[in-house]
C-alpha atoms as a PDB file:
ATOM      1  CA  MET A   1     118.434 145.445 154.388  1.00  0.00           C
ATOM      2  CA  ARG A   2     121.313 146.043 152.011  1.00  0.00           C
ATOM      3  CA  GLU A   3     120.904 145.828 148.246  1.00  0.00           C
ATOM      4  CA  PRO A   4     121.475 142.393 146.722  1.00  0.00           C
ATOM      5  CA  LEU A   5     123.966 141.424 144.073  1.00  0.00           C
ATOM      6  CA  PHE A   6     122.847 139.833 140.816  1.00  0.00           C
ATOM      7  CA  THR A   7     123.986 137.008 138.568  1.00  0.00           C
ATOM      8  CA  THR A   8     122.493 135.358 135.483  1.00  0.00           C
ATOM      9  CA  SER A   9     120.744 131.999 135.765  1.00  0.00           C
ATOM     10  CA  PRO A  10     121.226 129.135 133.268  1.00  0.00           C
ATOM     11  CA  ALA A  11     117.938 130.277 131.694  1.00  0.00           C
ATOM     12  CA  GLY A  12     119.160 133.859 131.327  1.00  0.00           C
ATOM     13  CA  LEU A  13     117.229 135.373 134.233  1.00  0.00           C
ATOM     14  CA  SER A  14     118.695 137.800 136.738  1.00  0.00           C
ATOM     15  CA  LEU A  15     119.003 136.140 140.160  1.00  0.00           C
ATOM     16  CA  ALA A  16     119.402 138.171 143.337  1.00  0.00           C
ATOM     17  CA  TYR A  17     121.785 136.976 146.033  1.00  0.00           C
ATOM     18  CA  LEU A  18     123.555 138.087 149.187  1.00  0.00           C
ATOM     19  CA  GLU A  19     126.959 137.116 150.512  1.00  0.00           C
ATOM     20  CA  ASP A  20     127.401 137.276 154.273  1.00  0.00           C
ATOM     21  CA  GLY A  21     130.549 136.973 156.338  1.00  0.00           C
ATOM     22  CA  PRO A  22     134.030 137.125 154.830  1.00  0.00           C
ATOM     23  CA  ALA A  23     134.926 136.333 151.238  1.00  0.00           C
ATOM     24  CA  ASP A  24     135.120 132.659 150.364  1.00  0.00           C
ATOM     25  CA  GLY A  25     138.806 131.856 150.421  1.00  0.00           C
ATOM     26  CA  GLY A  26     138.164 128.146 150.013  1.00  0.00           C
ATOM     27  CA  ARG A  27     139.424 127.317 153.497  1.00  0.00           C
ATOM     28  CA  ARG A  28     136.880 127.843 156.265  1.00  0.00           C
ATOM     29  CA  CYS A  29     133.620 125.929 155.926  1.00  0.00           C
ATOM     30  CA  GLY A  30     130.702 128.236 155.144  1.00  0.00           C
ATOM     31  CA  PHE A  31     126.926 128.097 154.684  1.00  0.00           C
ATOM     32  CA  PHE A  32     124.669 127.773 151.636  1.00  0.00           C
ATOM     33  CA  TRP A  33     120.985 128.583 152.116  1.00  0.00           C
ATOM     34  CA  LEU A  34     118.034 127.170 150.143  1.00  0.00           C
ATOM     35  CA  GLY A  35     114.704 128.769 150.990  1.00  0.00           C
ATOM     36  CA  GLY A  36     111.168 127.474 150.769  1.00  0.00           C
ATOM     37  CA  PHE A  37     108.296 127.687 148.303  1.00  0.00           C
ATOM     38  CA  MET A  38     107.276 131.330 147.737  1.00  0.00           C
ATOM     39  CA  SER A  39     109.755 132.563 150.350  1.00  0.00           C
ATOM     40  CA  ASP A  40     112.718 134.860 149.862  1.00  0.00           C
ATOM     41  CA  MET A  41     116.258 135.206 151.171  1.00  0.00           C
ATOM     42  CA  THR A  42     115.343 137.782 153.815  1.00  0.00           C
ATOM     43  CA  GLY A  43     113.395 135.421 156.085  1.00  0.00           C
ATOM     44  CA  SER A  44     114.250 134.967 159.746  1.00  0.00           C
ATOM     45  CA  LYS A  45     116.142 131.672 159.332  1.00  0.00           C
ATOM     46  CA  ALA A  46     118.260 133.027 156.474  1.00  0.00           C
ATOM     47  CA  GLU A  47     118.975 136.139 158.530  1.00  0.00           C
ATOM     48  CA  ALA A  48     119.939 134.029 161.561  1.00  0.00           C
ATOM     49  CA  LEU A  49     122.463 132.127 159.459  1.00  0.00           C
ATOM     50  CA  ALA A  50     123.794 135.402 158.066  1.00  0.00           C
ATOM     51  CA  ILE A  51     124.342 136.664 161.616  1.00  0.00           C
ATOM     52  CA  ALA A  52     126.143 133.449 162.532  1.00  0.00           C
ATOM     53  CA  ALA A  53     128.313 133.743 159.424  1.00  0.00           C
ATOM     54  CA  VAL A  54     129.379 137.274 160.307  1.00  0.00           C
ATOM     55  CA  GLU A  55     129.999 136.520 163.983  1.00  0.00           C
ATOM     56  CA  MET A  56     131.908 133.300 163.311  1.00  0.00           C
ATOM     57  CA  GLU A  57     133.721 134.728 160.267  1.00  0.00           C
ATOM     58  CA  ARG A  58     132.422 132.152 157.821  1.00  0.00           C
ATOM     59  CA  PRO A  59     131.301 132.789 154.225  1.00  0.00           C
ATOM     60  CA  SER A  60     127.597 132.375 153.537  1.00  0.00           C
ATOM     61  CA  LEU A  61     125.462 132.598 150.404  1.00  0.00           C
ATOM     62  CA  ARG A  62     121.703 132.988 150.038  1.00  0.00           C
ATOM     63  CA  PHE A  63     119.650 133.782 146.936  1.00  0.00           C
ATOM     64  CA  ASP A  64     116.142 134.163 145.556  1.00  0.00           C
ATOM     65  CA  TYR A  65     114.939 131.523 143.116  1.00  0.00           C
ATOM     66  CA  SER A  66     113.458 132.766 139.843  1.00  0.00           C
ATOM     67  CA  GLY A  67     109.962 134.080 140.449  1.00  0.00           C
ATOM     68  CA  HIS A  68     110.841 134.791 144.090  1.00  0.00           C
ATOM     69  CA  GLY A  69     111.928 137.922 145.950  1.00  0.00           C
ATOM     70  CA  ARG A  70     114.167 140.227 143.924  1.00  0.00           C
ATOM     71  CA  SER A  71     114.952 137.737 141.168  1.00  0.00           C
ATOM     72  CA  GLU A  72     113.456 137.847 137.689  1.00  0.00           C
ATOM     73  CA  GLY A  73     110.955 135.312 136.442  1.00  0.00           C
ATOM     74  CA  ILE A  74     107.225 134.626 136.596  1.00  0.00           C
ATOM     75  CA  PHE A  75     106.444 132.328 139.497  1.00  0.00           C
ATOM     76  CA  THR A  76     103.750 130.329 137.694  1.00  0.00           C
ATOM     77  CA  GLU A  77     106.146 129.549 134.858  1.00  0.00           C
ATOM     78  CA  CYS A  78     108.836 128.116 137.160  1.00  0.00           C
ATOM     79  CA  THR A  79     109.408 124.513 138.217  1.00  0.00           C
ATOM     80  CA  ILE A  80     111.493 122.362 140.530  1.00  0.00           C
ATOM     81  CA  SER A  81     113.858 121.739 137.608  1.00  0.00           C
ATOM     82  CA  ASP A  82     114.408 125.485 137.217  1.00  0.00           C
ATOM     83  CA  TRP A  83     115.095 126.064 140.904  1.00  0.00           C
ATOM     84  CA  LEU A  84     117.404 123.059 141.116  1.00  0.00           C
ATOM     85  CA  ALA A  85     119.393 124.274 138.100  1.00  0.00           C
ATOM     86  CA  GLU A  86     119.702 127.662 139.794  1.00  0.00           C
ATOM     87  CA  ALA A  87     120.919 126.079 143.041  1.00  0.00           C
ATOM     88  CA  VAL A  88     123.569 124.126 141.137  1.00  0.00           C
ATOM     89  CA  HIS A  89     124.618 127.278 139.282  1.00  0.00           C
ATOM     90  CA  MET A  90     124.898 129.348 142.452  1.00  0.00           C
ATOM     91  CA  PHE A  91     126.848 126.676 144.309  1.00  0.00           C
ATOM     92  CA  ARG A  92     129.326 126.132 141.485  1.00  0.00           C
ATOM     93  CA  SER A  93     129.788 129.735 140.393  1.00  0.00           C
ATOM     94  CA  LEU A  94     129.671 131.643 143.681  1.00  0.00           C
ATOM     95  CA  THR A  95     131.241 129.296 146.232  1.00  0.00           C
ATOM     96  CA  SER A  96     134.671 127.700 146.222  1.00  0.00           C
ATOM     97  CA  GLY A  97     135.249 126.085 149.592  1.00  0.00           C
ATOM     98  CA  PRO A  98     133.409 123.575 151.767  1.00  0.00           C
ATOM     99  CA  ARG A  99     129.829 124.404 152.709  1.00  0.00           C
ATOM    100  CA  ILE A 100     127.060 123.342 155.036  1.00  0.00           C
ATOM    101  CA  VAL A 101     123.887 123.271 152.924  1.00  0.00           C
ATOM    102  CA  ILE A 102     120.770 124.346 154.810  1.00  0.00           C
ATOM    103  CA  GLY A 103     117.376 123.863 153.179  1.00  0.00           C
ATOM    104  CA  SER A 104     113.961 124.839 154.524  1.00  0.00           C
ATOM    105  CA  SER A 105     110.728 123.123 153.440  1.00  0.00           C
ATOM    106  CA  MET A 106     110.983 122.940 149.613  1.00  0.00           C
ATOM    107  CA  GLY A 107     114.615 123.942 150.080  1.00  0.00           C
ATOM    108  CA  GLY A 108     115.117 120.697 152.000  1.00  0.00           C
ATOM    109  CA  TRP A 109     113.991 118.745 148.952  1.00  0.00           C
ATOM    110  CA  LEU A 110     116.241 120.851 146.742  1.00  0.00           C
ATOM    111  CA  ALA A 111     119.186 120.241 149.091  1.00  0.00           C
ATOM    112  CA  MET A 112     118.863 116.489 148.580  1.00  0.00           C
ATOM    113  CA  LEU A 113     118.510 116.948 144.824  1.00  0.00           C
ATOM    114  CA  LEU A 114     121.496 119.312 144.793  1.00  0.00           C
ATOM    115  CA  LEU A 115     123.654 116.651 146.403  1.00  0.00           C
ATOM    116  CA  ARG A 116     122.901 114.335 143.487  1.00  0.00           C
ATOM    117  CA  ALA A 117     123.130 116.966 140.772  1.00  0.00           C
ATOM    118  CA  LEU A 118     126.539 118.362 141.706  1.00  0.00           C
ATOM    119  CA  GLY A 119     128.529 115.266 140.788  1.00  0.00           C
ATOM    120  CA  GLU A 120     132.142 115.647 141.922  1.00  0.00           C
ATOM    121  CA  ASP A 121     131.378 119.092 143.347  1.00  0.00           C
ATOM    122  CA  ALA A 122     129.183 117.400 145.967  1.00  0.00           C
ATOM    123  CA  ALA A 123     132.421 116.630 147.839  1.00  0.00           C
ATOM    124  CA  ARG A 124     132.368 120.273 148.950  1.00  0.00           C
ATOM    125  CA  ILE A 125     129.136 119.668 150.882  1.00  0.00           C
ATOM    126  CA  HIS A 126     130.405 118.890 154.380  1.00  0.00           C
ATOM    127  CA  GLY A 127     127.040 118.853 156.117  1.00  0.00           C
ATOM    128  CA  ILE A 128     123.313 119.158 155.432  1.00  0.00           C
ATOM    129  CA  ILE A 129     120.580 120.641 157.617  1.00  0.00           C
ATOM    130  CA  LEU A 130     116.988 120.069 156.518  1.00  0.00           C
ATOM    131  CA  ILE A 131     114.276 122.146 158.195  1.00  0.00           C
ATOM    132  CA  ALA A 132     110.814 120.564 157.844  1.00  0.00           C
ATOM    133  CA  PRO A 133     111.900 119.080 154.490  1.00  0.00           C
ATOM    134  CA  ALA A 134     109.088 118.930 151.932  1.00  0.00           C
ATOM    135  CA  ALA A 135     110.567 116.099 149.864  1.00  0.00           C
ATOM    136  CA  ASP A 136     108.383 115.091 146.912  1.00  0.00           C
ATOM    137  CA  MET A 137     106.013 117.890 147.874  1.00  0.00           C
ATOM    138  CA  THR A 138     104.438 118.219 144.420  1.00  0.00           C
ATOM    139  CA  ARG A 139     103.075 114.680 144.772  1.00  0.00           C
ATOM    140  CA  ALA A 140     102.885 113.782 148.468  1.00  0.00           C
ATOM    141  CA  LEU A 141     101.913 117.193 149.848  1.00  0.00           C
ATOM    142  CA  MET A 142     100.101 118.618 146.843  1.00  0.00           C
ATOM    143  CA  TRP A 143      98.577 116.385 144.178  1.00  0.00           C
ATOM    144  CA  ASP A 144      97.849 113.363 146.382  1.00  0.00           C
ATOM    145  CA  ALA A 145      96.550 115.601 149.174  1.00  0.00           C
ATOM    146  CA  PHE A 146      94.337 117.827 147.030  1.00  0.00           C
ATOM    147  CA  THR A 147      90.605 117.350 146.783  1.00  0.00           C
ATOM    148  CA  ALA A 148      89.123 116.003 143.571  1.00  0.00           C
ATOM    149  CA  GLU A 149      87.778 119.498 142.921  1.00  0.00           C
ATOM    150  CA  ALA A 150      91.228 121.089 143.244  1.00  0.00           C
ATOM    151  CA  ARG A 151      92.793 118.509 140.924  1.00  0.00           C
ATOM    152  CA  ALA A 152      90.017 119.049 138.395  1.00  0.00           C
ATOM    153  CA  THR A 153      90.642 122.804 138.488  1.00  0.00           C
ATOM    154  CA  ILE A 154      94.358 122.300 137.814  1.00  0.00           C
ATOM    155  CA  GLU A 155      93.637 119.920 134.945  1.00  0.00           C
ATOM    156  CA  ARG A 156      91.074 122.302 133.453  1.00  0.00           C
ATOM    157  CA  ASP A 157      92.727 125.680 134.064  1.00  0.00           C
ATOM    158  CA  GLY A 158      96.381 124.740 134.468  1.00  0.00           C
ATOM    159  CA  VAL A 159      96.470 126.367 137.916  1.00  0.00           C
ATOM    160  CA  TRP A 160      94.692 126.295 141.275  1.00  0.00           C
ATOM    161  CA  HIS A 161      95.172 128.897 143.989  1.00  0.00           C
ATOM    162  CA  ARG A 162      95.744 127.033 147.219  1.00  0.00           C
ATOM    163  CA  PRO A 163      94.730 128.934 150.377  1.00  0.00           C
ATOM    164  CA  SER A 164      97.658 129.828 152.625  1.00  0.00           C
ATOM    165  CA  SER A 165      97.867 130.796 156.288  1.00  0.00           C
ATOM    166  CA  TYR A 166     100.878 132.980 155.419  1.00  0.00           C
ATOM    167  CA  GLY A 167      99.166 135.466 153.104  1.00  0.00           C
ATOM    168  CA  GLU A 168      97.937 135.340 149.518  1.00  0.00           C
ATOM    169  CA  PRO A 169      96.918 131.940 148.074  1.00  0.00           C
ATOM    170  CA  TYR A 170      99.690 129.885 146.480  1.00  0.00           C
ATOM    171  CA  PRO A 171      99.274 129.302 142.725  1.00  0.00           C
ATOM    172  CA  ILE A 172      99.858 125.591 142.060  1.00  0.00           C
ATOM    173  CA  THR A 173     100.307 124.868 138.359  1.00  0.00           C
ATOM    174  CA  MET A 174     100.043 121.678 136.372  1.00  0.00           C
ATOM    175  CA  LYS A 175     103.490 122.503 135.029  1.00  0.00           C
ATOM    176  CA  LEU A 176     104.893 122.381 138.570  1.00  0.00           C
ATOM    177  CA  ILE A 177     103.098 119.113 139.378  1.00  0.00           C
ATOM    178  CA  GLU A 178     104.223 117.367 136.191  1.00  0.00           C
ATOM    179  CA  ASP A 179     107.816 118.563 136.467  1.00  0.00           C
ATOM    180  CA  GLY A 180     108.047 117.423 140.076  1.00  0.00           C
ATOM    181  CA  ARG A 181     107.472 113.801 139.045  1.00  0.00           C
ATOM    182  CA  GLN A 182     110.992 113.493 137.667  1.00  0.00           C
ATOM    183  CA  HIS A 183     112.533 114.534 140.997  1.00  0.00           C
ATOM    184  CA  LEU A 184     110.781 112.170 143.433  1.00  0.00           C
ATOM    185  CA  ILE A 185     113.119 110.664 146.037  1.00  0.00           C
ATOM    186  CA  LEU A 186     111.027 109.092 148.801  1.00  0.00           C
ATOM    187  CA  HIS A 187     110.720 105.762 146.966  1.00  0.00           C
ATOM    188  CA  GLN A 188     114.477 105.092 146.970  1.00  0.00           C
ATOM    189  CA  ARG A 189     117.362 104.969 149.412  1.00  0.00           C
ATOM    190  CA  GLN A 190     120.166 107.513 149.346  1.00  0.00           C
ATOM    191  CA  ARG A 191     123.545 107.211 151.023  1.00  0.00           C
ATOM    192  CA  ILE A 192     124.943 110.396 152.542  1.00  0.00           C
ATOM    193  CA  ALA A 193     128.672 110.674 153.237  1.00  0.00           C
ATOM    194  CA  CYS A 194     128.461 113.903 155.251  1.00  0.00           C
ATOM    195  CA  PRO A 195     126.622 114.616 158.510  1.00  0.00           C
ATOM    196  CA  LEU A 196     122.910 115.306 158.065  1.00  0.00           C
ATOM    197  CA  ARG A 197     120.384 116.803 160.486  1.00  0.00           C
ATOM    198  CA  ILE A 198     116.621 117.002 160.055  1.00  0.00           C
ATOM    199  CA  LEU A 199     114.811 119.533 162.257  1.00  0.00           C
ATOM    200  CA  HIS A 200     111.042 119.195 162.446  1.00  0.00           C
ATOM    201  CA  GLY A 201     108.369 120.666 164.704  1.00  0.00           C
ATOM    202  CA  ASP A 202     105.780 118.312 166.151  1.00  0.00           C
ATOM    203  CA  ARG A 203     103.051 120.925 165.473  1.00  0.00           C
ATOM    204  CA  ASP A 204     103.907 121.442 161.812  1.00  0.00           C
ATOM    205  CA  LYS A 205     100.577 121.572 159.942  1.00  0.00           C
ATOM    206  CA  ASP A 206     102.068 122.246 156.501  1.00  0.00           C
ATOM    207  CA  VAL A 207     104.643 119.441 156.381  1.00  0.00           C
ATOM    208  CA  PRO A 208     103.712 116.980 159.156  1.00  0.00           C
ATOM    209  CA  TRP A 209     106.713 115.684 161.084  1.00  0.00           C
ATOM    210  CA  ILE A 210     105.961 112.142 159.970  1.00  0.00           C
ATOM    211  CA  HIS A 211     106.754 113.304 156.420  1.00  0.00           C
ATOM    212  CA  GLY A 212     110.220 114.387 157.545  1.00  0.00           C
ATOM    213  CA  LYS A 213     110.600 110.998 159.226  1.00  0.00           C
ATOM    214  CA  ARG A 214     109.759 109.323 155.911  1.00  0.00           C
ATOM    215  CA  LEU A 215     112.725 111.085 154.345  1.00  0.00           C
ATOM    216  CA  PHE A 216     114.933 110.218 157.325  1.00  0.00           C
ATOM    217  CA  ASP A 217     114.069 106.535 156.872  1.00  0.00           C
ATOM    218  CA  THR A 218     115.341 106.568 153.268  1.00  0.00           C
ATOM    219  CA  ILE A 219     118.774 107.972 154.176  1.00  0.00           C
ATOM    220  CA  ASP A 220     121.795 105.810 154.938  1.00  0.00           C
ATOM    221  CA  GLY A 221     124.817 107.378 156.602  1.00  0.00           C
ATOM    222  CA  GLU A 222     127.076 107.258 159.631  1.00  0.00           C
ATOM    223  CA  ASP A 223     125.917 110.573 161.097  1.00  0.00           C
ATOM    224  CA  VAL A 224     122.234 111.132 160.323  1.00  0.00           C
ATOM    225  CA  ARG A 225     119.894 112.508 162.994  1.00  0.00           C
ATOM    226  CA  PHE A 226     116.207 113.391 163.167  1.00  0.00           C
ATOM    227  CA  ILE A 227     115.446 116.094 165.750  1.00  0.00           C
ATOM    228  CA  LEU A 228     111.775 116.475 166.704  1.00  0.00           C
ATOM    229  CA  ILE A 229     111.114 119.835 168.318  1.00  0.00           C
ATOM    230  CA  LYS A 230     108.328 119.952 170.892  1.00  0.00           C
ATOM    231  CA  GLY A 231     105.900 122.757 170.122  1.00  0.00           C
ATOM    232  CA  GLY A 232     107.617 123.651 166.859  1.00  0.00           C
ATOM    233  CA  ASP A 233     105.528 124.815 163.894  1.00  0.00           C
ATOM    234  CA  HIS A 234     106.420 124.721 160.214  1.00  0.00           C
ATOM    235  CA  ARG A 235     108.505 127.862 160.180  1.00  0.00           C
ATOM    236  CA  LEU A 236     110.657 127.007 163.224  1.00  0.00           C
ATOM    237  CA  SER A 237     111.445 130.715 163.542  1.00  0.00           C
ATOM    238  CA  SER A 238     111.076 131.272 167.283  1.00  0.00           C
ATOM    239  CA  GLU A 239     114.117 132.564 169.129  1.00  0.00           C
ATOM    240  CA  ARG A 240     114.672 129.090 170.551  1.00  0.00           C
ATOM    241  CA  ASP A 241     114.491 127.477 167.126  1.00  0.00           C
ATOM    242  CA  LEU A 242     116.796 130.029 165.489  1.00  0.00           C
ATOM    243  CA  PHE A 243     119.420 129.543 168.201  1.00  0.00           C
ATOM    244  CA  LEU A 244     119.229 125.777 167.645  1.00  0.00           C
ATOM    245  CA  LEU A 245     119.699 126.239 163.891  1.00  0.00           C
ATOM    246  CA  GLN A 246     122.704 128.501 164.429  1.00  0.00           C
ATOM    247  CA  ASP A 247     124.262 126.106 166.941  1.00  0.00           C
ATOM    248  CA  ILE A 248     123.939 123.100 164.631  1.00  0.00           C
ATOM    249  CA  ALA A 249     125.238 124.978 161.583  1.00  0.00           C
ATOM    250  CA  ILE A 250     128.259 126.277 163.500  1.00  0.00           C
ATOM    251  CA  GLU A 251     128.957 122.862 165.022  1.00  0.00           C
ATOM    252  CA  LEU A 252     128.958 121.146 161.622  1.00  0.00           C
ATOM    253  CA  ALA A 253     131.187 123.854 160.130  1.00  0.00           C
ATOM    254  CA  GLU A 254     133.656 123.586 163.010  1.00  0.00           C
ATOM    255  CA  ASP A 255     133.712 119.792 162.678  1.00  0.00           C
ATOM    256  CA  SER A 256     134.508 120.211 158.982  1.00  0.00           C
ATOM    257  CA  ASP A 257     137.416 122.556 159.725  1.00  0.00           C
ATOM    258  CA  ARG A 258     138.852 120.222 162.355  1.00  0.00           C
ATOM    259  CA  ALA A 259     138.586 117.200 160.073  1.00  0.00           C
ATOM    260  CA  ARG A 260     140.490 118.966 157.302  1.00  0.00           C
ATOM    261  CA  GLU A 261     143.204 120.152 159.690  1.00  0.00           C
ATOM    262  CA  THR A 262     144.077 116.638 160.822  1.00  0.00           C
END
């Protein structure tokens, strides 16, 4: 793994990032990756997109949120607002041409929030791929799903360590829960001008596929598809799933190039 580059976040923290493929000349449609909660930019899906970017000669950007991977920051002090601000900063400062935004789990929620937050710059998003999107996760998948004992611990101590099947327990803070309330999107409709794909495994135990369908049902657009993957888990990182992700990302990028050539 090569050494990352670094930039400064709006909050003054050093954020690690990697650029894959050719330099962004503002012409060919590229990729923009948003990872999940407590993940980093070296995961298998991010790497698969990087490979596709190199092979198809398309620019691609991935980065670690504050408190994640090689970036600065204390995880338990970070919030959805922080990570969204960082996504906006990275998109505006380190990309110039059209992009396909790909978000996994929490990154799927951030991708939808990014679309709103970018204002006029959102016109450079020419496609969105959401992988097991955890929209409104701080409420729907955390607070509302927690036991009374877990909620009491968060209210008393400010943090509860949620057991994880992927390693160490996840620290869930009251700060994260409270901040997430201002970013809820499942209660309102959103119109999407670009193509959007939701990929979800029918065996996802972390973000059940019906949750991804809830998000799908709130989205209006001419080219919006929900793809349920038989046997797929939350990570969707099998060889089959990674090939599907690459194929969809490349297809959307090629469609963007053709549309701008006509």
